[in-house]
């Protein structure tokens, strides 16, 4: 979907449509690309942090022990 919208964005200036339509079309396609890329990255982050039991987390948390302070 993102690739097809990008391709449409590339060929849009060469189509024989009025300038105002091109402006609105470019803006709409750009907004759609931003939304889809945000949703794609958000889904990827949630998938990577899923622990499989309904919880989310990652390995960045380290529980400190007293042996580190002696």
PDB file of N, CA and C in Angstrom:
ATOM      1  N   UNK A   1       0.822  -1.189   0.000  1.00  0.00           N
ATOM      2  CA  UNK A   1       0.000   0.000   0.000  1.00  0.00           C
ATOM      3  C   UNK A   1       0.868   1.255   0.000  1.00  0.00           C
ATOM      4  N   UNK A   2       1.894   1.255   0.860  1.00  0.00           N
ATOM      5  CA  UNK A   2       2.782   2.408   0.923  1.00  0.00           C
ATOM      6  C   UNK A   2       3.531   2.572  -0.391  1.00  0.00           C
ATOM      7  N   UNK A   3       3.956   1.480  -0.977  1.00  0.00           N
ATOM      8  CA  UNK A   3       4.657   1.536  -2.256  1.00  0.00           C
ATOM      9  C   UNK A   3       3.778   2.049  -3.382  1.00  0.00           C
ATOM     10  N   UNK A   4       2.532   1.616  -3.414  1.00  0.00           N
ATOM     11  CA  UNK A   4       1.616   2.080  -4.453  1.00  0.00           C
ATOM     12  C   UNK A   4       1.308   3.569  -4.313  1.00  0.00           C
ATOM     13  N   UNK A   5       1.145   4.025  -3.082  1.00  0.00           N
ATOM     14  CA  UNK A   5       0.916   5.453  -2.873  1.00  0.00           C
ATOM     15  C   UNK A   5       2.149   6.269  -3.251  1.00  0.00           C
ATOM     16  N   UNK A   6       3.322   5.742  -2.960  1.00  0.00           N
ATOM     17  CA  UNK A   6       4.547   6.427  -3.365  1.00  0.00           C
ATOM     18  C   UNK A   6       4.679   6.504  -4.870  1.00  0.00           C
ATOM     19  N   UNK A   7       4.339   5.425  -5.552  1.00  0.00           N
ATOM     20  CA  UNK A   7       4.381   5.419  -7.012  1.00  0.00           C
ATOM     21  C   UNK A   7       3.377   6.412  -7.588  1.00  0.00           C
ATOM     22  N   UNK A   8       2.192   6.459  -7.016  1.00  0.00           N
ATOM     23  CA  UNK A   8       1.190   7.422  -7.457  1.00  0.00           C
ATOM     24  C   UNK A   8       1.666   8.855  -7.217  1.00  0.00           C
ATOM     25  N   UNK A   9       2.346   9.073  -6.127  1.00  0.00           N
ATOM     26  CA  UNK A   9       2.886  10.395  -5.824  1.00  0.00           C
ATOM     27  C   UNK A   9       3.956  10.800  -6.830  1.00  0.00           C
ATOM     28  N   UNK A  10       4.705   9.842  -7.335  1.00  0.00           N
ATOM     29  CA  UNK A  10       5.741  10.134  -8.326  1.00  0.00           C
ATOM     30  C   UNK A  10       5.129  10.503  -9.666  1.00  0.00           C
ATOM     31  N   UNK A  11       4.090   9.770 -10.101  1.00  0.00           N
ATOM     32  CA  UNK A  11       3.538  10.023 -11.434  1.00  0.00           C
ATOM     33  C   UNK A  11       2.431  11.073 -11.442  1.00  0.00           C
ATOM     34  N   UNK A  12       1.984  11.524 -10.285  1.00  0.00           N
ATOM     35  CA  UNK A  12       0.909  12.503 -10.222  1.00  0.00           C
ATOM     36  C   UNK A  12       1.221  13.802 -10.969  1.00  0.00           C
ATOM     37  N   UNK A  13       2.418  14.367 -10.898  1.00  0.00           N
ATOM     38  CA  UNK A  13       2.681  15.615 -11.632  1.00  0.00           C
ATOM     39  C   UNK A  13       2.622  15.459 -13.151  1.00  0.00           C
ATOM     40  N   UNK A  14       2.813  14.270 -13.666  1.00  0.00           N
ATOM     41  CA  UNK A  14       2.835  14.053 -15.109  1.00  0.00           C
ATOM     42  C   UNK A  14       1.467  13.708 -15.689  1.00  0.00           C
ATOM     43  N   UNK A  15       0.467  13.566 -14.845  1.00  0.00           N
ATOM     44  CA  UNK A  15      -0.877  13.288 -15.325  1.00  0.00           C
ATOM     45  C   UNK A  15      -1.528  14.593 -15.781  1.00  0.00           C
ATOM     46  N   UNK A  16      -2.405  14.519 -16.734  1.00  0.00           N
ATOM     47  CA  UNK A  16      -3.041  15.712 -17.275  1.00  0.00           C
ATOM     48  C   UNK A  16      -4.256  16.147 -16.493  1.00  0.00           C
ATOM     49  N   UNK A  17      -4.061  16.465 -15.232  1.00  0.00           N
ATOM     50  CA  UNK A  17      -5.177  16.918 -14.410  1.00  0.00           C
ATOM     51  C   UNK A  17      -4.914  18.358 -13.969  1.00  0.00           C
ATOM     52  N   UNK A  18      -5.951  19.099 -13.611  1.00  0.00           N
ATOM     53  CA  UNK A  18      -5.769  20.505 -13.210  1.00  0.00           C
ATOM     54  C   UNK A  18      -4.845  20.655 -11.994  1.00  0.00           C
ATOM     55  N   UNK A  19      -4.210  21.818 -11.905  1.00  0.00           N
ATOM     56  CA  UNK A  19      -3.233  22.072 -10.839  1.00  0.00           C
ATOM     57  C   UNK A  19      -3.840  21.987  -9.445  1.00  0.00           C
ATOM     58  N   UNK A  20      -5.064  22.476  -9.277  1.00  0.00           N
ATOM     59  CA  UNK A  20      -5.667  22.419  -7.937  1.00  0.00           C
ATOM     60  C   UNK A  20      -5.914  20.978  -7.512  1.00  0.00           C
ATOM     61  N   UNK A  21      -6.302  20.122  -8.447  1.00  0.00           N
ATOM     62  CA  UNK A  21      -6.492  18.704  -8.123  1.00  0.00           C
ATOM     63  C   UNK A  21      -5.164  18.065  -7.763  1.00  0.00           C
ATOM     64  N   UNK A  22      -4.110  18.437  -8.481  1.00  0.00           N
ATOM     65  CA  UNK A  22      -2.778  17.899  -8.171  1.00  0.00           C
ATOM     66  C   UNK A  22      -2.361  18.308  -6.761  1.00  0.00           C
ATOM     67  N   UNK A  23      -2.640  19.571  -6.409  1.00  0.00           N
ATOM     68  CA  UNK A  23      -2.263  20.058  -5.084  1.00  0.00           C
ATOM     69  C   UNK A  23      -3.000  19.276  -3.992  1.00  0.00           C
ATOM     70  N   UNK A  24      -4.311  19.130  -4.159  1.00  0.00           N
ATOM     71  CA  UNK A  24      -5.085  18.385  -3.165  1.00  0.00           C
ATOM     72  C   UNK A  24      -4.712  16.901  -3.165  1.00  0.00           C
ATOM     73  N   UNK A  25      -4.482  16.342  -4.335  1.00  0.00           N
ATOM     74  CA  UNK A  25      -4.081  14.936  -4.417  1.00  0.00           C
ATOM     75  C   UNK A  25      -2.741  14.684  -3.760  1.00  0.00           C
ATOM     76  N   UNK A  26      -1.772  15.577  -4.005  1.00  0.00           N
ATOM     77  CA  UNK A  26      -0.454  15.436  -3.386  1.00  0.00           C
ATOM     78  C   UNK A  26      -0.553  15.545  -1.872  1.00  0.00           C
ATOM     79  N   UNK A  27      -1.344  16.494  -1.399  1.00  0.00           N
ATOM     80  CA  UNK A  27      -1.525  16.654   0.050  1.00  0.00           C
ATOM     81  C   UNK A  27      -2.198  15.436   0.670  1.00  0.00           C
ATOM     82  N   UNK A  28      -3.217  14.928   0.016  1.00  0.00           N
ATOM     83  CA  UNK A  28      -3.941  13.767   0.549  1.00  0.00           C
ATOM     84  C   UNK A  28      -3.057  12.519   0.557  1.00  0.00           C
ATOM     85  N   UNK A  29      -2.310  12.312  -0.530  1.00  0.00           N
ATOM     86  CA  UNK A  29      -1.431  11.145  -0.586  1.00  0.00           C
ATOM     87  C   UNK A  29      -0.322  11.265   0.453  1.00  0.00           C
ATOM     88  N   UNK A  30       0.225  12.465   0.621  1.00  0.00           N
ATOM     89  CA  UNK A  30       1.252  12.673   1.644  1.00  0.00           C
ATOM     90  C   UNK A  30       0.739  12.401   3.042  1.00  0.00           C
ATOM     91  N   UNK A  31      -0.473  12.874   3.333  1.00  0.00           N
ATOM     92  CA  UNK A  31      -1.069  12.622   4.649  1.00  0.00           C
ATOM     93  C   UNK A  31      -1.324  11.132   4.860  1.00  0.00           C
ATOM     94  N   UNK A  32      -1.799  10.456   3.818  1.00  0.00           N
ATOM     95  CA  UNK A  32      -2.012   9.000   3.923  1.00  0.00           C
ATOM     96  C   UNK A  32      -0.701   8.258   4.155  1.00  0.00           C
ATOM     97  N   UNK A  33       0.354   8.676   3.458  1.00  0.00           N
ATOM     98  CA  UNK A  33       1.656   8.034   3.649  1.00  0.00           C
ATOM     99  C   UNK A  33       2.167   8.236   5.067  1.00  0.00           C
ATOM    100  N   UNK A  34       1.996   9.435   5.613  1.00  0.00           N
ATOM    101  CA  UNK A  34       2.422   9.675   6.991  1.00  0.00           C
ATOM    102  C   UNK A  34       1.628   8.822   7.974  1.00  0.00           C
ATOM    103  N   UNK A  35       0.321   8.740   7.773  1.00  0.00           N
ATOM    104  CA  UNK A  35      -0.519   7.942   8.663  1.00  0.00           C
ATOM    105  C   UNK A  35      -0.172   6.458   8.584  1.00  0.00           C
ATOM    106  N   UNK A  36      -0.029   5.941   7.371  1.00  0.00           N
ATOM    107  CA  UNK A  36       0.289   4.519   7.210  1.00  0.00           C
ATOM    108  C   UNK A  36       1.665   4.179   7.769  1.00  0.00           C
ATOM    109  N   UNK A  37       2.644   5.059   7.559  1.00  0.00           N
ATOM    110  CA  UNK A  37       3.975   4.772   8.091  1.00  0.00           C
ATOM    111  C   UNK A  37       3.976   4.820   9.611  1.00  0.00           C
ATOM    112  N   UNK A  38       3.212   5.740  10.211  1.00  0.00           N
ATOM    113  CA  UNK A  38       3.101   5.782  11.670  1.00  0.00           C
ATOM    114  C   UNK A  38       2.462   4.500  12.195  1.00  0.00           C
ATOM    115  N   UNK A  39       1.379   4.074  11.561  1.00  0.00           N
ATOM    116  CA  UNK A  39       0.700   2.847  12.003  1.00  0.00           C
ATOM    117  C   UNK A  39       1.597   1.626  11.835  1.00  0.00           C
ATOM    118  N   UNK A  40       2.390   1.596  10.762  1.00  0.00           N
ATOM    119  CA  UNK A  40       3.295   0.481  10.525  1.00  0.00           C
ATOM    120  C   UNK A  40       4.371   0.413  11.611  1.00  0.00           C
ATOM    121  N   UNK A  41       4.965   1.551  11.934  1.00  0.00           N
ATOM    122  CA  UNK A  41       6.011   1.574  12.962  1.00  0.00           C
ATOM    123  C   UNK A  41       5.424   1.237  14.329  1.00  0.00           C
ATOM    124  N   UNK A  42       4.238   1.782  14.631  1.00  0.00           N
ATOM    125  CA  UNK A  42       3.604   1.497  15.921  1.00  0.00           C
ATOM    126  C   UNK A  42       3.291   0.010  16.060  1.00  0.00           C
ATOM    127  N   UNK A  43       2.784  -0.602  14.996  1.00  0.00           N
ATOM    128  CA  UNK A  43       2.477  -2.029  15.032  1.00  0.00           C
ATOM    129  C   UNK A  43       3.747  -2.849  15.208  1.00  0.00           C
ATOM    130  N   UNK A  44       4.809  -2.442  14.552  1.00  0.00           N
ATOM    131  CA  UNK A  44       6.076  -3.166  14.676  1.00  0.00           C
ATOM    132  C   UNK A  44       6.632  -3.078  16.094  1.00  0.00           C
ATOM    133  N   UNK A  45       6.537  -1.910  16.713  1.00  0.00           N
ATOM    134  CA  UNK A  45       7.019  -1.749  18.085  1.00  0.00           C
ATOM    135  C   UNK A  45       6.183  -2.595  19.041  1.00  0.00           C
ATOM    136  N   UNK A  46       4.847  -2.584  18.871  1.00  0.00           N
ATOM    137  CA  UNK A  46       3.988  -3.387  19.741  1.00  0.00           C
ATOM    138  C   UNK A  46       4.235  -4.878  19.548  1.00  0.00           C
ATOM    139  N   UNK A  47       4.492  -5.298  18.319  1.00  0.00           N
ATOM    140  CA  UNK A  47       4.755  -6.711  18.061  1.00  0.00           C
ATOM    141  C   UNK A  47       6.064  -7.151  18.701  1.00  0.00           C
ATOM    142  N   UNK A  48       7.091  -6.302  18.616  1.00  0.00           N
ATOM    143  CA  UNK A  48       8.384  -6.653  19.193  1.00  0.00           C
ATOM    144  C   UNK A  48       8.354  -6.670  20.712  1.00  0.00           C
ATOM    145  N   UNK A  49       7.478  -5.855  21.329  1.00  0.00           N
ATOM    146  CA  UNK A  49       7.451  -5.793  22.781  1.00  0.00           C
ATOM    147  C   UNK A  49       6.421  -6.736  23.400  1.00  0.00           C
ATOM    148  N   UNK A  50       5.700  -7.507  22.589  1.00  0.00           N
ATOM    149  CA  UNK A  50       4.691  -8.428  23.099  1.00  0.00           C
ATOM    150  C   UNK A  50       5.378  -9.640  23.722  1.00  0.00           C
ATOM    151  N   UNK A  51       5.030  -9.925  24.962  1.00  0.00           N
ATOM    152  CA  UNK A  51       5.630 -11.054  25.670  1.00  0.00           C
ATOM    153  C   UNK A  51       4.847 -12.348  25.466  1.00  0.00           C
ATOM    154  N   UNK A  52       3.704 -12.289  24.794  1.00  0.00           N
ATOM    155  CA  UNK A  52       2.951 -13.498  24.488  1.00  0.00           C
ATOM    156  C   UNK A  52       1.893 -13.862  25.501  1.00  0.00           C
ATOM    157  N   UNK A  53       1.876 -13.220  26.642  1.00  0.00           N
ATOM    158  CA  UNK A  53       0.887 -13.538  27.668  1.00  0.00           C
ATOM    159  C   UNK A  53      -0.026 -12.351  27.949  1.00  0.00           C
ATOM    160  N   UNK A  54      -0.162 -11.457  26.989  1.00  0.00           N
ATOM    161  CA  UNK A  54      -1.001 -10.289  27.170  1.00  0.00           C
ATOM    162  C   UNK A  54      -0.275  -9.101  27.753  1.00  0.00           C
ATOM    163  N   UNK A  55       0.991  -9.273  28.098  1.00  0.00           N
ATOM    164  CA  UNK A  55       1.779  -8.172  28.653  1.00  0.00           C
ATOM    165  C   UNK A  55       2.762  -7.661  27.619  1.00  0.00           C
ATOM    166  N   UNK A  56       3.164  -6.430  27.804  1.00  0.00           N
ATOM    167  CA  UNK A  56       4.162  -5.845  26.928  1.00  0.00           C
ATOM    168  C   UNK A  56       5.376  -5.472  27.762  1.00  0.00           C
ATOM    169  N   UNK A  57       6.542  -5.609  27.174  1.00  0.00           N
ATOM    170  CA  UNK A  57       7.766  -5.261  27.870  1.00  0.00           C
ATOM    171  C   UNK A  57       8.949  -5.480  26.956  1.00  0.00           C
ATOM    172  N   UNK A  58      10.100  -5.169  27.454  1.00  0.00           N
ATOM    173  CA  UNK A  58      11.322  -5.432  26.708  1.00  0.00           C
ATOM    174  C   UNK A  58      12.442  -5.730  27.694  1.00  0.00           C
ATOM    175  N   UNK A  59      13.626  -5.906  27.213  1.00  0.00           N
ATOM    176  CA  UNK A  59      14.731  -6.300  28.068  1.00  0.00           C
ATOM    177  C   UNK A  59      15.541  -5.107  28.563  1.00  0.00           C
ATOM    178  N   UNK A  60      14.985  -3.918  28.523  1.00  0.00           N
ATOM    179  CA  UNK A  60      15.736  -2.745  28.947  1.00  0.00           C
ATOM    180  C   UNK A  60      15.712  -2.569  30.468  1.00  0.00           C
ATOM    181  N   UNK A  61      14.873  -3.301  31.168  1.00  0.00           N
ATOM    182  CA  UNK A  61      14.788  -3.193  32.621  1.00  0.00           C
ATOM    183  C   UNK A  61      15.753  -4.174  33.255  1.00  0.00           C
ATOM    184  N   UNK A  62      16.562  -3.672  34.165  1.00  0.00           N
ATOM    185  CA  UNK A  62      17.506  -4.518  34.886  1.00  0.00           C
ATOM    186  C   UNK A  62      17.273  -4.310  36.373  1.00  0.00           C
ATOM    187  N   UNK A  63      16.947  -5.394  37.056  1.00  0.00           N
ATOM    188  CA  UNK A  63      16.722  -5.289  38.482  1.00  0.00           C
ATOM    189  C   UNK A  63      18.077  -5.268  39.171  1.00  0.00           C
ATOM    190  N   UNK A  64      18.293  -4.279  39.998  1.00  0.00           N
ATOM    191  CA  UNK A  64      19.575  -4.154  40.683  1.00  0.00           C
ATOM    192  C   UNK A  64      19.594  -5.047  41.914  1.00  0.00           C
ATOM    193  N   UNK A  65      20.746  -5.518  42.224  1.00  0.00           N
ATOM    194  CA  UNK A  65      20.926  -6.333  43.425  1.00  0.00           C
ATOM    195  C   UNK A  65      21.949  -5.659  44.318  1.00  0.00           C
ATOM    196  N   UNK A  66      22.026  -6.113  45.552  1.00  0.00           N
ATOM    197  CA  UNK A  66      22.953  -5.500  46.489  1.00  0.00           C
ATOM    198  C   UNK A  66      24.408  -5.767  46.104  1.00  0.00           C
ATOM    199  N   UNK A  67      24.676  -6.842  45.370  1.00  0.00           N
ATOM    200  CA  UNK A  67      26.060  -7.143  44.992  1.00  0.00           C
ATOM    201  C   UNK A  67      26.649  -6.060  44.090  1.00  0.00           C
ATOM    202  N   UNK A  68      25.826  -5.323  43.419  1.00  0.00           N
ATOM    203  CA  UNK A  68      26.331  -4.243  42.580  1.00  0.00           C
ATOM    204  C   UNK A  68      26.811  -3.051  43.379  1.00  0.00           C
ATOM    205  N   UNK A  69      26.336  -2.908  44.610  1.00  0.00           N
ATOM    206  CA  UNK A  69      26.669  -1.742  45.430  1.00  0.00           C
ATOM    207  C   UNK A  69      27.753  -2.020  46.462  1.00  0.00           C
ATOM    208  N   UNK A  70      28.332  -3.166  46.491  1.00  0.00           N
ATOM    209  CA  UNK A  70      29.344  -3.472  47.513  1.00  0.00           C
ATOM    210  C   UNK A  70      30.734  -3.311  46.967  1.00  0.00           C
TER     211      UNK A  70
END
